[in-house]
Structures are given as C-alpha cells and as structure tokens.
Amino acid sequence: VAAINFSGGSIYYADSVKGRFTISRDNTKNTVYLQMNSLKPE
C-alpha cells in the first residue's frame, strides 16, 4: 500500500491508493500512520 523511510523523507505509494492515502510517521511517538480518504469498497 505505502512505505516511508526511517526519517520520513522518502515515500512510495501503490498506484491504487495514490492521491487518496497518506503515510506519515512521528518518531517521537514511535508511530506510523496511514490516513485513508475517499475510501472505496475495493
């Protein structure tokens, strides 16, 4: 679906989610997020 490097400075998305999903990370909280918008049944 998506990937983010250790610093957050490099990101990849699958074509099927590009423009709808956003990956991010907060290293101070040791947490990675996936914001998913415009969700589809698929």
Full PDB file with SEQRES, HELIX, SHEET, SSBOND, CRYST1, ORIGX, SCALE, CONECT and MASTER records, all heavy atoms in Angstrom:
SEQRES   1 A   42  VAL ALA ALA ILE ASN PHE SER GLY GLY SER ILE TYR TYR          
SEQRES   2 A   42  ALA ASP SER VAL LYS GLY ARG PHE THR ILE SER ARG ASP          
SEQRES   3 A   42  ASN THR LYS ASN THR VAL TYR LEU GLN MET ASN SER LEU          
SEQRES   4 A   42  LYS PRO GLU                                                  
SHEET    1 AA1 2 ALA A   2  ILE A   4  0                                        
SHEET    2 AA1 2 ILE A  11  TYR A  13 -1                                        
SHEET    1 AA2 2 PHE A  21  ASP A  26  0                                        
SHEET    2 AA2 2 THR A  31  MET A  36 -1                                        
CRYST1    1.000    1.000    1.000  90.00  90.00  90.00 P 1           1          
ORIGX1      1.000000  0.000000  0.000000        0.00000                         
ORIGX2      0.000000  1.000000  0.000000        0.00000                         
ORIGX3      0.000000  0.000000  1.000000        0.00000                         
SCALE1      1.000000  0.000000  0.000000        0.00000                         
SCALE2      0.000000  1.000000  0.000000        0.00000                         
SCALE3      0.000000  0.000000  1.000000        0.00000                         
ATOM      1  N   VAL A   1       0.836  -1.200   0.000  1.00  0.00           N  
ATOM      2  CA  VAL A   1       0.000   0.000   0.000  1.00  0.00           C  
ATOM      3  C   VAL A   1       0.875   1.257   0.000  1.00  0.00           C  
ATOM      4  O   VAL A   1       0.723   2.123  -0.860  1.00  0.00           O  
ATOM      5  CB  VAL A   1      -0.946   0.006   1.213  1.00  0.00           C  
ATOM      6  CG1 VAL A   1      -1.709   1.322   1.289  1.00  0.00           C  
ATOM      7  CG2 VAL A   1      -1.897  -1.178   1.173  1.00  0.00           C  
ATOM      8  N   ALA A   2       1.773   1.357   0.979  1.00  0.00           N  
ATOM      9  CA  ALA A   2       2.607   2.551   1.104  1.00  0.00           C  
ATOM     10  C   ALA A   2       3.816   2.231   1.972  1.00  0.00           C  
ATOM     11  O   ALA A   2       3.776   1.289   2.766  1.00  0.00           O  
ATOM     12  CB  ALA A   2       1.825   3.710   1.714  1.00  0.00           C  
ATOM     13  N   ALA A   3       4.872   3.016   1.809  1.00  0.00           N  
ATOM     14  CA  ALA A   3       6.065   2.844   2.624  1.00  0.00           C  
ATOM     15  C   ALA A   3       6.714   4.190   2.876  1.00  0.00           C  
ATOM     16  O   ALA A   3       6.606   5.108   2.049  1.00  0.00           O  
ATOM     17  CB  ALA A   3       7.051   1.893   1.954  1.00  0.00           C  
ATOM     18  N   ILE A   4       7.395   4.289   4.008  1.00  0.00           N  
ATOM     19  CA  ILE A   4       8.071   5.520   4.396  1.00  0.00           C  
ATOM     20  C   ILE A   4       9.428   5.145   4.978  1.00  0.00           C  
ATOM     21  O   ILE A   4       9.537   4.180   5.732  1.00  0.00           O  
ATOM     22  CB  ILE A   4       7.211   6.313   5.400  1.00  0.00           C  
ATOM     23  CG1 ILE A   4       7.806   7.688   5.677  1.00  0.00           C  
ATOM     24  CG2 ILE A   4       6.987   5.525   6.688  1.00  0.00           C  
ATOM     25  CD1 ILE A   4       6.830   8.613   6.418  1.00  0.00           C  
ATOM     26  N   ASN A   5      10.459   5.926   4.622  1.00  0.00           N  
ATOM     27  CA  ASN A   5      11.773   5.563   5.136  1.00  0.00           C  
ATOM     28  C   ASN A   5      11.919   6.048   6.581  1.00  0.00           C  
ATOM     29  O   ASN A   5      11.022   6.709   7.132  1.00  0.00           O  
ATOM     30  CB  ASN A   5      12.875   6.096   4.231  1.00  0.00           C  
ATOM     31  CG  ASN A   5      13.130   7.579   4.389  1.00  0.00           C  
ATOM     32  OD1 ASN A   5      12.218   8.339   4.703  1.00  0.00           O  
ATOM     33  ND2 ASN A   5      14.365   7.973   4.169  1.00  0.00           N  
ATOM     34  N   PHE A   6      13.066   5.733   7.191  1.00  0.00           N  
ATOM     35  CA  PHE A   6      13.222   5.950   8.635  1.00  0.00           C  
ATOM     36  C   PHE A   6      13.040   7.409   9.033  1.00  0.00           C  
ATOM     37  O   PHE A   6      12.518   7.710  10.111  1.00  0.00           O  
ATOM     38  CB  PHE A   6      14.599   5.443   9.082  1.00  0.00           C  
ATOM     39  CG  PHE A   6      15.748   6.309   8.644  1.00  0.00           C  
ATOM     40  CD1 PHE A   6      16.277   7.253   9.501  1.00  0.00           C  
ATOM     41  CD2 PHE A   6      16.299   6.186   7.376  1.00  0.00           C  
ATOM     42  CE1 PHE A   6      17.335   8.051   9.109  1.00  0.00           C  
ATOM     43  CE2 PHE A   6      17.342   6.983   6.971  1.00  0.00           C  
ATOM     44  CZ  PHE A   6      17.865   7.922   7.832  1.00  0.00           C  
ATOM     45  N   SER A   7      13.451   8.339   8.159  1.00  0.00           N  
ATOM     46  CA  SER A   7      13.386   9.763   8.503  1.00  0.00           C  
ATOM     47  C   SER A   7      12.075  10.411   8.075  1.00  0.00           C  
ATOM     48  O   SER A   7      11.776  11.533   8.492  1.00  0.00           O  
ATOM     49  CB  SER A   7      14.538  10.507   7.847  1.00  0.00           C  
ATOM     50  OG  SER A   7      14.367  10.550   6.431  1.00  0.00           O  
ATOM     51  N   GLY A   8      11.315   9.727   7.247  1.00  0.00           N  
ATOM     52  CA  GLY A   8      10.095  10.320   6.708  1.00  0.00           C  
ATOM     53  C   GLY A   8      10.325  11.113   5.447  1.00  0.00           C  
ATOM     54  O   GLY A   8       9.388  11.696   4.898  1.00  0.00           O  
ATOM     55  N   GLY A   9      11.544  11.124   4.964  1.00  0.00           N  
ATOM     56  CA  GLY A   9      11.874  11.952   3.815  1.00  0.00           C  
ATOM     57  C   GLY A   9      11.657  11.301   2.464  1.00  0.00           C  
ATOM     58  O   GLY A   9      11.759  11.967   1.433  1.00  0.00           O  
ATOM     59  N   SER A  10      11.358  10.026   2.458  1.00  0.00           N  
ATOM     60  CA  SER A  10      11.118   9.308   1.205  1.00  0.00           C  
ATOM     61  C   SER A  10       9.900   8.414   1.361  1.00  0.00           C  
ATOM     62  O   SER A  10       9.773   7.697   2.365  1.00  0.00           O  
ATOM     63  CB  SER A  10      12.344   8.476   0.841  1.00  0.00           C  
ATOM     64  OG  SER A  10      12.204   7.917  -0.445  1.00  0.00           O  
ATOM     65  N   ILE A  11       9.008   8.459   0.381  1.00  0.00           N  
ATOM     66  CA  ILE A  11       7.726   7.753   0.463  1.00  0.00           C  
ATOM     67  C   ILE A  11       7.379   7.128  -0.884  1.00  0.00           C  
ATOM     68  O   ILE A  11       7.656   7.723  -1.936  1.00  0.00           O  
ATOM     69  CB  ILE A  11       6.601   8.726   0.905  1.00  0.00           C  
ATOM     70  CG1 ILE A  11       6.772   9.109   2.375  1.00  0.00           C  
ATOM     71  CG2 ILE A  11       5.227   8.142   0.657  1.00  0.00           C  
ATOM     72  CD1 ILE A  11       5.825  10.201   2.841  1.00  0.00           C  
ATOM     73  N   TYR A  12       6.755   5.959  -0.829  1.00  0.00           N  
ATOM     74  CA  TYR A  12       6.205   5.319  -2.024  1.00  0.00           C  
ATOM     75  C   TYR A  12       4.757   4.952  -1.759  1.00  0.00           C  
ATOM     76  O   TYR A  12       4.382   4.615  -0.633  1.00  0.00           O  
ATOM     77  CB  TYR A  12       6.970   4.042  -2.370  1.00  0.00           C  
ATOM     78  CG  TYR A  12       8.369   4.253  -2.877  1.00  0.00           C  
ATOM     79  CD1 TYR A  12       9.459   3.848  -2.113  1.00  0.00           C  
ATOM     80  CD2 TYR A  12       8.608   4.822  -4.117  1.00  0.00           C  
ATOM     81  CE1 TYR A  12      10.757   4.020  -2.576  1.00  0.00           C  
ATOM     82  CE2 TYR A  12       9.908   4.992  -4.587  1.00  0.00           C  
ATOM     83  CZ  TYR A  12      10.971   4.593  -3.809  1.00  0.00           C  
ATOM     84  OH  TYR A  12      12.255   4.748  -4.271  1.00  0.00           O  
ATOM     85  N   TYR A  13       3.948   4.981  -2.825  1.00  0.00           N  
ATOM     86  CA  TYR A  13       2.559   4.558  -2.749  1.00  0.00           C  
ATOM     87  C   TYR A  13       2.255   3.591  -3.890  1.00  0.00           C  
ATOM     88  O   TYR A  13       2.803   3.708  -4.988  1.00  0.00           O  
ATOM     89  CB  TYR A  13       1.598   5.737  -2.881  1.00  0.00           C  
ATOM     90  CG  TYR A  13       1.632   6.715  -1.736  1.00  0.00           C  
ATOM     91  CD1 TYR A  13       2.297   7.925  -1.845  1.00  0.00           C  
ATOM     92  CD2 TYR A  13       0.978   6.417  -0.531  1.00  0.00           C  
ATOM     93  CE1 TYR A  13       2.327   8.826  -0.806  1.00  0.00           C  
ATOM     94  CE2 TYR A  13       1.015   7.327   0.526  1.00  0.00           C  
ATOM     95  CZ  TYR A  13       1.683   8.523   0.381  1.00  0.00           C  
ATOM     96  OH  TYR A  13       1.710   9.412   1.421  1.00  0.00           O  
ATOM     97  N   ALA A  14       1.334   2.679  -3.623  1.00  0.00           N  
ATOM     98  CA  ALA A  14       0.780   1.882  -4.706  1.00  0.00           C  
ATOM     99  C   ALA A  14      -0.088   2.785  -5.576  1.00  0.00           C  
ATOM    100  O   ALA A  14      -0.723   3.721  -5.078  1.00  0.00           O  
ATOM    101  CB  ALA A  14      -0.052   0.735  -4.140  1.00  0.00           C  
ATOM    102  N   ASP A  15      -0.129   2.498  -6.862  1.00  0.00           N  
ATOM    103  CA  ASP A  15      -0.923   3.333  -7.766  1.00  0.00           C  
ATOM    104  C   ASP A  15      -2.391   3.368  -7.359  1.00  0.00           C  
ATOM    105  O   ASP A  15      -3.073   4.380  -7.543  1.00  0.00           O  
ATOM    106  CB  ASP A  15      -0.802   2.808  -9.201  1.00  0.00           C  
ATOM    107  CG  ASP A  15       0.569   3.082  -9.809  1.00  0.00           C  
ATOM    108  OD1 ASP A  15       1.300   3.946  -9.288  1.00  0.00           O  
ATOM    109  OD2 ASP A  15       0.898   2.423 -10.804  1.00  0.00           O  
ATOM    110  N   SER A  16      -2.878   2.277  -6.794  1.00  0.00           N  
ATOM    111  CA  SER A  16      -4.295   2.176  -6.443  1.00  0.00           C  
ATOM    112  C   SER A  16      -4.713   3.105  -5.316  1.00  0.00           C  
ATOM    113  O   SER A  16      -5.905   3.376  -5.140  1.00  0.00           O  
ATOM    114  CB  SER A  16      -4.634   0.735  -6.064  1.00  0.00           C  
ATOM    115  OG  SER A  16      -3.839   0.312  -4.969  1.00  0.00           O  
ATOM    116  N   VAL A  17      -3.743   3.604  -4.543  1.00  0.00           N  
ATOM    117  CA  VAL A  17      -4.083   4.472  -3.406  1.00  0.00           C  
ATOM    118  C   VAL A  17      -3.502   5.875  -3.544  1.00  0.00           C  
ATOM    119  O   VAL A  17      -3.796   6.747  -2.721  1.00  0.00           O  
ATOM    120  CB  VAL A  17      -3.632   3.852  -2.076  1.00  0.00           C  
ATOM    121  CG1 VAL A  17      -4.167   2.429  -1.931  1.00  0.00           C  
ATOM    122  CG2 VAL A  17      -2.111   3.867  -1.924  1.00  0.00           C  
ATOM    123  N   LYS A  18      -2.690   6.091  -4.547  1.00  0.00           N  
ATOM    124  CA  LYS A  18      -2.028   7.375  -4.721  1.00  0.00           C  
ATOM    125  C   LYS A  18      -3.067   8.488  -4.857  1.00  0.00           C  
ATOM    126  O   LYS A  18      -4.042   8.373  -5.598  1.00  0.00           O  
ATOM    127  CB  LYS A  18      -1.125   7.319  -5.965  1.00  0.00           C  
ATOM    128  CG  LYS A  18       0.009   8.298  -5.985  1.00  0.00           C  
ATOM    129  CD  LYS A  18       0.953   8.007  -7.140  1.00  0.00           C  
ATOM    130  CE  LYS A  18       1.695   6.711  -6.958  1.00  0.00           C  
ATOM    131  NZ  LYS A  18       2.677   6.465  -8.041  1.00  0.00           N  
ATOM    132  N   GLY A  19      -2.857   9.555  -4.099  1.00  0.00           N  
ATOM    133  CA  GLY A  19      -3.802  10.669  -4.114  1.00  0.00           C  
ATOM    134  C   GLY A  19      -4.933  10.537  -3.109  1.00  0.00           C  
ATOM    135  O   GLY A  19      -5.652  11.506  -2.857  1.00  0.00           O  
ATOM    136  N   ARG A  20      -5.104   9.356  -2.528  1.00  0.00           N  
ATOM    137  CA  ARG A  20      -6.163   9.130  -1.536  1.00  0.00           C  
ATOM    138  C   ARG A  20      -5.597   8.805  -0.154  1.00  0.00           C  
ATOM    139  O   ARG A  20      -6.186   9.172   0.857  1.00  0.00           O  
ATOM    140  CB  ARG A  20      -7.072   7.982  -1.984  1.00  0.00           C  
ATOM    141  CG  ARG A  20      -7.766   8.206  -3.308  1.00  0.00           C  
ATOM    142  CD  ARG A  20      -8.802   7.100  -3.579  1.00  0.00           C  
ATOM    143  NE  ARG A  20      -8.182   5.779  -3.677  1.00  0.00           N  
ATOM    144  CZ  ARG A  20      -8.529   4.739  -2.913  1.00  0.00           C  
ATOM    145  NH1 ARG A  20      -9.473   4.880  -1.993  1.00  0.00           N  
ATOM    146  NH2 ARG A  20      -7.935   3.563  -3.071  1.00  0.00           N  
ATOM    147  N   PHE A  21      -4.492   8.101  -0.116  1.00  0.00           N  
ATOM    148  CA  PHE A  21      -3.879   7.697   1.149  1.00  0.00           C  
ATOM    149  C   PHE A  21      -2.612   8.510   1.395  1.00  0.00           C  
ATOM    150  O   PHE A  21      -1.899   8.876   0.446  1.00  0.00           O  
ATOM    151  CB  PHE A  21      -3.515   6.219   1.114  1.00  0.00           C  
ATOM    152  CG  PHE A  21      -4.664   5.252   1.120  1.00  0.00           C  
ATOM    153  CD1 PHE A  21      -5.967   5.668   0.916  1.00  0.00           C  
ATOM    154  CD2 PHE A  21      -4.440   3.899   1.330  1.00  0.00           C  
ATOM    155  CE1 PHE A  21      -7.034   4.776   0.925  1.00  0.00           C  
ATOM    156  CE2 PHE A  21      -5.484   2.982   1.335  1.00  0.00           C  
ATOM    157  CZ  PHE A  21      -6.774   3.428   1.123  1.00  0.00           C  
ATOM    158  N   THR A  22      -2.314   8.743   2.673  1.00  0.00           N  
ATOM    159  CA  THR A  22      -1.094   9.442   3.060  1.00  0.00           C  
ATOM    160  C   THR A  22      -0.431   8.700   4.204  1.00  0.00           C  
ATOM    161  O   THR A  22      -1.063   8.464   5.236  1.00  0.00           O  
ATOM    162  CB  THR A  22      -1.386  10.880   3.493  1.00  0.00           C  
ATOM    163  OG1 THR A  22      -2.047  11.581   2.432  1.00  0.00           O  
ATOM    164  CG2 THR A  22      -0.090  11.604   3.842  1.00  0.00           C  
ATOM    165  N   ILE A  23       0.833   8.344   4.009  1.00  0.00           N  
ATOM    166  CA  ILE A  23       1.602   7.706   5.074  1.00  0.00           C  
ATOM    167  C   ILE A  23       2.470   8.761   5.739  1.00  0.00           C  
ATOM    168  O   ILE A  23       2.989   9.670   5.084  1.00  0.00           O  
ATOM    169  CB  ILE A  23       2.463   6.546   4.511  1.00  0.00           C  
ATOM    170  CG1 ILE A  23       3.107   5.748   5.656  1.00  0.00           C  
ATOM    171  CG2 ILE A  23       3.509   7.053   3.525  1.00  0.00           C  
ATOM    172  CD1 ILE A  23       3.817   4.478   5.185  1.00  0.00           C  
ATOM    173  N   SER A  24       2.612   8.646   7.054  1.00  0.00           N  
ATOM    174  CA  SER A  24       3.458   9.570   7.802  1.00  0.00           C  
ATOM    175  C   SER A  24       3.974   8.851   9.039  1.00  0.00           C  
ATOM    176  O   SER A  24       3.520   7.756   9.365  1.00  0.00           O  
ATOM    177  CB  SER A  24       2.687  10.835   8.195  1.00  0.00           C  
ATOM    178  OG  SER A  24       1.583  10.507   9.031  1.00  0.00           O  
ATOM    179  N   ARG A  25       4.922   9.477   9.702  1.00  0.00           N  
ATOM    180  CA  ARG A  25       5.444   8.879  10.928  1.00  0.00           C  
ATOM    181  C   ARG A  25       5.832   9.971  11.907  1.00  0.00           C  
ATOM    182  O   ARG A  25       6.204  11.073  11.512  1.00  0.00           O  
ATOM    183  CB  ARG A  25       6.630   7.958  10.633  1.00  0.00           C  
ATOM    184  CG  ARG A  25       7.871   8.637  10.136  1.00  0.00           C  
ATOM    185  CD  ARG A  25       8.916   7.598   9.675  1.00  0.00           C  
ATOM    186  NE  ARG A  25       9.354   6.717  10.761  1.00  0.00           N  
ATOM    187  CZ  ARG A  25       9.971   5.553  10.576  1.00  0.00           C  
ATOM    188  NH1 ARG A  25      10.215   5.126   9.339  1.00  0.00           N  
ATOM    189  NH2 ARG A  25      10.366   4.826  11.605  1.00  0.00           N  
ATOM    190  N   ASP A  26       5.746   9.627  13.168  1.00  0.00           N  
ATOM    191  CA  ASP A  26       6.176  10.502  14.249  1.00  0.00           C  
ATOM    192  C   ASP A  26       7.157   9.692  15.084  1.00  0.00           C  
ATOM    193  O   ASP A  26       6.743   8.860  15.897  1.00  0.00           O  
ATOM    194  CB  ASP A  26       4.976  10.950  15.078  1.00  0.00           C  
ATOM    195  CG  ASP A  26       5.352  11.950  16.154  1.00  0.00           C  
ATOM    196  OD1 ASP A  26       6.547  12.053  16.502  1.00  0.00           O  
ATOM    197  OD2 ASP A  26       4.438  12.624  16.669  1.00  0.00           O  
ATOM    198  N   ASN A  27       8.431   9.927  14.872  1.00  0.00           N  
ATOM    199  CA  ASN A  27       9.439   9.142  15.572  1.00  0.00           C  
ATOM    200  C   ASN A  27       9.510   9.451  17.064  1.00  0.00           C  
ATOM    201  O   ASN A  27      10.042   8.651  17.836  1.00  0.00           O  
ATOM    202  CB  ASN A  27      10.807   9.322  14.915  1.00  0.00           C  
ATOM    203  CG  ASN A  27      10.921   8.561  13.599  1.00  0.00           C  
ATOM    204  OD1 ASN A  27      10.171   7.621  13.334  1.00  0.00           O  
ATOM    205  ND2 ASN A  27      11.862   8.977  12.757  1.00  0.00           N  
ATOM    206  N   THR A  28       8.979  10.590  17.465  1.00  0.00           N  
ATOM    207  CA  THR A  28       8.951  10.886  18.905  1.00  0.00           C  
ATOM    208  C   THR A  28       7.921  10.014  19.614  1.00  0.00           C  
ATOM    209  O   THR A  28       8.011   9.797  20.819  1.00  0.00           O  
ATOM    210  CB  THR A  28       8.626  12.358  19.159  1.00  0.00           C  
ATOM    211  OG1 THR A  28       7.291  12.627  18.712  1.00  0.00           O  
ATOM    212  CG2 THR A  28       9.595  13.277  18.421  1.00  0.00           C  
ATOM    213  N   LYS A  29       6.953   9.536  18.853  1.00  0.00           N  
ATOM    214  CA  LYS A  29       5.917   8.664  19.416  1.00  0.00           C  
ATOM    215  C   LYS A  29       6.063   7.217  18.945  1.00  0.00           C  
ATOM    216  O   LYS A  29       5.214   6.374  19.271  1.00  0.00           O  
ATOM    217  CB  LYS A  29       4.528   9.180  19.031  1.00  0.00           C  
ATOM    218  CG  LYS A  29       4.212  10.564  19.574  1.00  0.00           C  
ATOM    219  CD  LYS A  29       2.810  11.001  19.168  1.00  0.00           C  
ATOM    220  CE  LYS A  29       2.486  12.381  19.737  1.00  0.00           C  
ATOM    221  NZ  LYS A  29       1.140  12.848  19.352  1.00  0.00           N  
ATOM    222  N   ASN A  30       7.090   6.943  18.136  1.00  0.00           N  
ATOM    223  CA  ASN A  30       7.305   5.594  17.590  1.00  0.00           C  
ATOM    224  C   ASN A  30       6.048   5.074  16.897  1.00  0.00           C  
ATOM    225  O   ASN A  30       5.663   3.906  17.073  1.00  0.00           O  
ATOM    226  CB  ASN A  30       7.733   4.627  18.692  1.00  0.00           C  
ATOM    227  CG  ASN A  30       9.078   4.994  19.283  1.00  0.00           C  
ATOM    228  OD1 ASN A  30       9.978   5.423  18.575  1.00  0.00           O  
ATOM    229  ND2 ASN A  30       9.214   4.839  20.603  1.00  0.00           N  
ATOM    230  N   THR A  31       5.429   5.930  16.116  1.00  0.00           N  
ATOM    231  CA  THR A  31       4.161   5.579  15.473  1.00  0.00           C  
ATOM    232  C   THR A  31       4.171   5.958  13.998  1.00  0.00           C  
ATOM    233  O   THR A  31       4.671   7.028  13.634  1.00  0.00           O  
ATOM    234  CB  THR A  31       2.985   6.272  16.186  1.00  0.00           C  
ATOM    235  OG1 THR A  31       2.977   5.876  17.557  1.00  0.00           O  
ATOM    236  CG2 THR A  31       1.654   5.891  15.558  1.00  0.00           C  
ATOM    237  N   VAL A  32       3.611   5.081  13.195  1.00  0.00           N  
ATOM    238  CA  VAL A  32       3.417   5.326  11.772  1.00  0.00           C  
ATOM    239  C   VAL A  32       1.910   5.391  11.510  1.00  0.00           C  
ATOM    240  O   VAL A  32       1.145   4.622  12.099  1.00  0.00           O  
ATOM    241  CB  VAL A  32       4.053   4.216  10.918  1.00  0.00           C  
ATOM    242  CG1 VAL A  32       3.814   4.465   9.439  1.00  0.00           C  
ATOM    243  CG2 VAL A  32       5.546   4.136  11.200  1.00  0.00           C  
ATOM    244  N   TYR A  33       1.513   6.287  10.611  1.00  0.00           N  
ATOM    245  CA  TYR A  33       0.094   6.490  10.339  1.00  0.00           C  
ATOM    246  C   TYR A  33      -0.210   6.219   8.861  1.00  0.00           C  
ATOM    247  O   TYR A  33       0.649   6.368   7.989  1.00  0.00           O  
ATOM    248  CB  TYR A  33      -0.304   7.920  10.666  1.00  0.00           C  
ATOM    249  CG  TYR A  33      -0.004   8.330  12.090  1.00  0.00           C  
ATOM    250  CD1 TYR A  33       1.149   9.052  12.399  1.00  0.00           C  
ATOM    251  CD2 TYR A  33      -0.863   7.995  13.130  1.00  0.00           C  
ATOM    252  CE1 TYR A  33       1.441   9.422  13.689  1.00  0.00           C  
ATOM    253  CE2 TYR A  33      -0.587   8.379  14.436  1.00  0.00           C  
ATOM    254  CZ  TYR A  33       0.564   9.081  14.704  1.00  0.00           C  
ATOM    255  OH  TYR A  33       0.842   9.439  16.000  1.00  0.00           O  
ATOM    256  N   LEU A  34      -1.456   5.864   8.623  1.00  0.00           N  
ATOM    257  CA  LEU A  34      -1.954   5.770   7.256  1.00  0.00           C  
ATOM    258  C   LEU A  34      -3.305   6.466   7.231  1.00  0.00           C  
ATOM    259  O   LEU A  34      -4.294   5.921   7.729  1.00  0.00           O  
ATOM    260  CB  LEU A  34      -2.069   4.325   6.787  1.00  0.00           C  
ATOM    261  CG  LEU A  34      -2.455   4.169   5.312  1.00  0.00           C  
ATOM    262  CD1 LEU A  34      -1.310   4.641   4.418  1.00  0.00           C  
ATOM    263  CD2 LEU A  34      -2.804   2.710   4.985  1.00  0.00           C  
ATOM    264  N   GLN A  35      -3.326   7.673   6.694  1.00  0.00           N  
ATOM    265  CA  GLN A  35      -4.572   8.410   6.525  1.00  0.00           C  
ATOM    266  C   GLN A  35      -5.214   7.960   5.226  1.00  0.00           C  
ATOM    267  O   GLN A  35      -4.596   8.074   4.160  1.00  0.00           O  
ATOM    268  CB  GLN A  35      -4.301   9.912   6.498  1.00  0.00           C  
ATOM    269  CG  GLN A  35      -5.535  10.764   6.264  1.00  0.00           C  
ATOM    270  CD  GLN A  35      -6.519  10.690   7.417  1.00  0.00           C  
ATOM    271  OE1 GLN A  35      -6.137  10.741   8.576  1.00  0.00           O  
ATOM    272  NE2 GLN A  35      -7.804  10.566   7.081  1.00  0.00           N  
ATOM    273  N   MET A  36      -6.427   7.462   5.317  1.00  0.00           N  
ATOM    274  CA  MET A  36      -7.116   6.934   4.147  1.00  0.00           C  
ATOM    275  C   MET A  36      -8.370   7.754   3.880  1.00  0.00           C  
ATOM    276  O   MET A  36      -9.288   7.765   4.711  1.00  0.00           O  
ATOM    277  CB  MET A  36      -7.477   5.460   4.368  1.00  0.00           C  
ATOM    278  CG  MET A  36      -6.287   4.593   4.764  1.00  0.00           C  
ATOM    279  SD  MET A  36      -6.681   2.837   4.853  1.00  0.00           S  
ATOM    280  CE  MET A  36      -7.846   2.844   6.200  1.00  0.00           C  
ATOM    281  N   ASN A  37      -8.411   8.430   2.758  1.00  0.00           N  
ATOM    282  CA  ASN A  37      -9.542   9.248   2.359  1.00  0.00           C  
ATOM    283  C   ASN A  37     -10.193   8.688   1.104  1.00  0.00           C  
ATOM    284  O   ASN A  37      -9.596   7.868   0.392  1.00  0.00           O  
ATOM    285  CB  ASN A  37      -9.088  10.684   2.097  1.00  0.00           C  
ATOM    286  CG  ASN A  37      -8.488  11.348   3.324  1.00  0.00           C  
ATOM    287  OD1 ASN A  37      -8.878  11.071   4.455  1.00  0.00           O  
ATOM    288  ND2 ASN A  37      -7.545  12.248   3.102  1.00  0.00           N  
ATOM    289  N   SER A  38     -11.394   9.129   0.838  1.00  0.00           N  
ATOM    290  CA  SER A  38     -12.123   8.699  -0.371  1.00  0.00           C  
ATOM    291  C   SER A  38     -12.111   7.177  -0.500  1.00  0.00           C  
ATOM    292  O   SER A  38     -11.825   6.622  -1.571  1.00  0.00           O  
ATOM    293  CB  SER A  38     -11.512   9.338  -1.622  1.00  0.00           C  
ATOM    294  OG  SER A  38     -11.533  10.742  -1.529  1.00  0.00           O  
ATOM    295  N   LEU A  39     -12.436   6.517   0.574  1.00  0.00           N  
ATOM    296  CA  LEU A  39     -12.357   5.058   0.594  1.00  0.00           C  
ATOM    297  C   LEU A  39     -13.368   4.424  -0.347  1.00  0.00           C  
ATOM    298  O   LEU A  39     -14.481   4.941  -0.549  1.00  0.00           O  
ATOM    299  CB  LEU A  39     -12.569   4.538   2.010  1.00  0.00           C  
ATOM    300  CG  LEU A  39     -11.342   4.688   2.918  1.00  0.00           C  
ATOM    301  CD1 LEU A  39     -11.722   4.604   4.385  1.00  0.00           C  
ATOM    302  CD2 LEU A  39     -10.301   3.628   2.575  1.00  0.00           C  
ATOM    303  N   LYS A  40     -12.958   3.308  -0.929  1.00  0.00           N  
ATOM    304  CA  LYS A  40     -13.775   2.566  -1.880  1.00  0.00           C  
ATOM    305  C   LYS A  40     -14.004   1.153  -1.339  1.00  0.00           C  
ATOM    306  O   LYS A  40     -13.188   0.640  -0.555  1.00  0.00           O  
ATOM    307  CB  LYS A  40     -13.039   2.467  -3.220  1.00  0.00           C  
ATOM    308  CG  LYS A  40     -12.629   3.800  -3.816  1.00  0.00           C  
ATOM    309  CD  LYS A  40     -11.803   3.605  -5.083  1.00  0.00           C  
ATOM    310  CE  LYS A  40     -11.352   4.919  -5.677  1.00  0.00           C  
ATOM    311  NZ  LYS A  40     -10.532   4.724  -6.900  1.00  0.00           N  
ATOM    312  N   PRO A  41     -15.062   0.483  -1.778  1.00  0.00           N  
ATOM    313  CA  PRO A  41     -15.293  -0.896  -1.335  1.00  0.00           C  
ATOM    314  C   PRO A  41     -14.092  -1.804  -1.613  1.00  0.00           C  
ATOM    315  O   PRO A  41     -13.819  -2.724  -0.824  1.00  0.00           O  
ATOM    316  CB  PRO A  41     -16.520  -1.318  -2.136  1.00  0.00           C  
ATOM    317  CG  PRO A  41     -17.266  -0.043  -2.357  1.00  0.00           C  
ATOM    318  CD  PRO A  41     -16.205   1.000  -2.564  1.00  0.00           C  
ATOM    319  N   GLU A  42     -13.369  -1.557  -2.677  1.00  0.00           N  
ATOM    320  CA  GLU A  42     -12.205  -2.390  -3.005  1.00  0.00           C  
ATOM    321  C   GLU A  42     -11.018  -2.167  -2.068  1.00  0.00           C  
ATOM    322  O   GLU A  42     -10.021  -2.889  -2.150  1.00  0.00           O  
ATOM    323  CB  GLU A  42     -11.768  -2.187  -4.463  1.00  0.00           C  
ATOM    324  CG  GLU A  42     -11.573  -0.747  -4.871  1.00  0.00           C  
ATOM    325  CD  GLU A  42     -12.800  -0.171  -5.573  1.00  0.00           C  
ATOM    326  OE1 GLU A  42     -13.934  -0.391  -5.087  1.00  0.00           O  
ATOM    327  OE2 GLU A  42     -12.611   0.542  -6.591  1.00  0.00           O  
TER     328      GLU A  42                                                      
MASTER        0    0    0    0    4    0    0    6  327    1    0    4          
END                                                                             
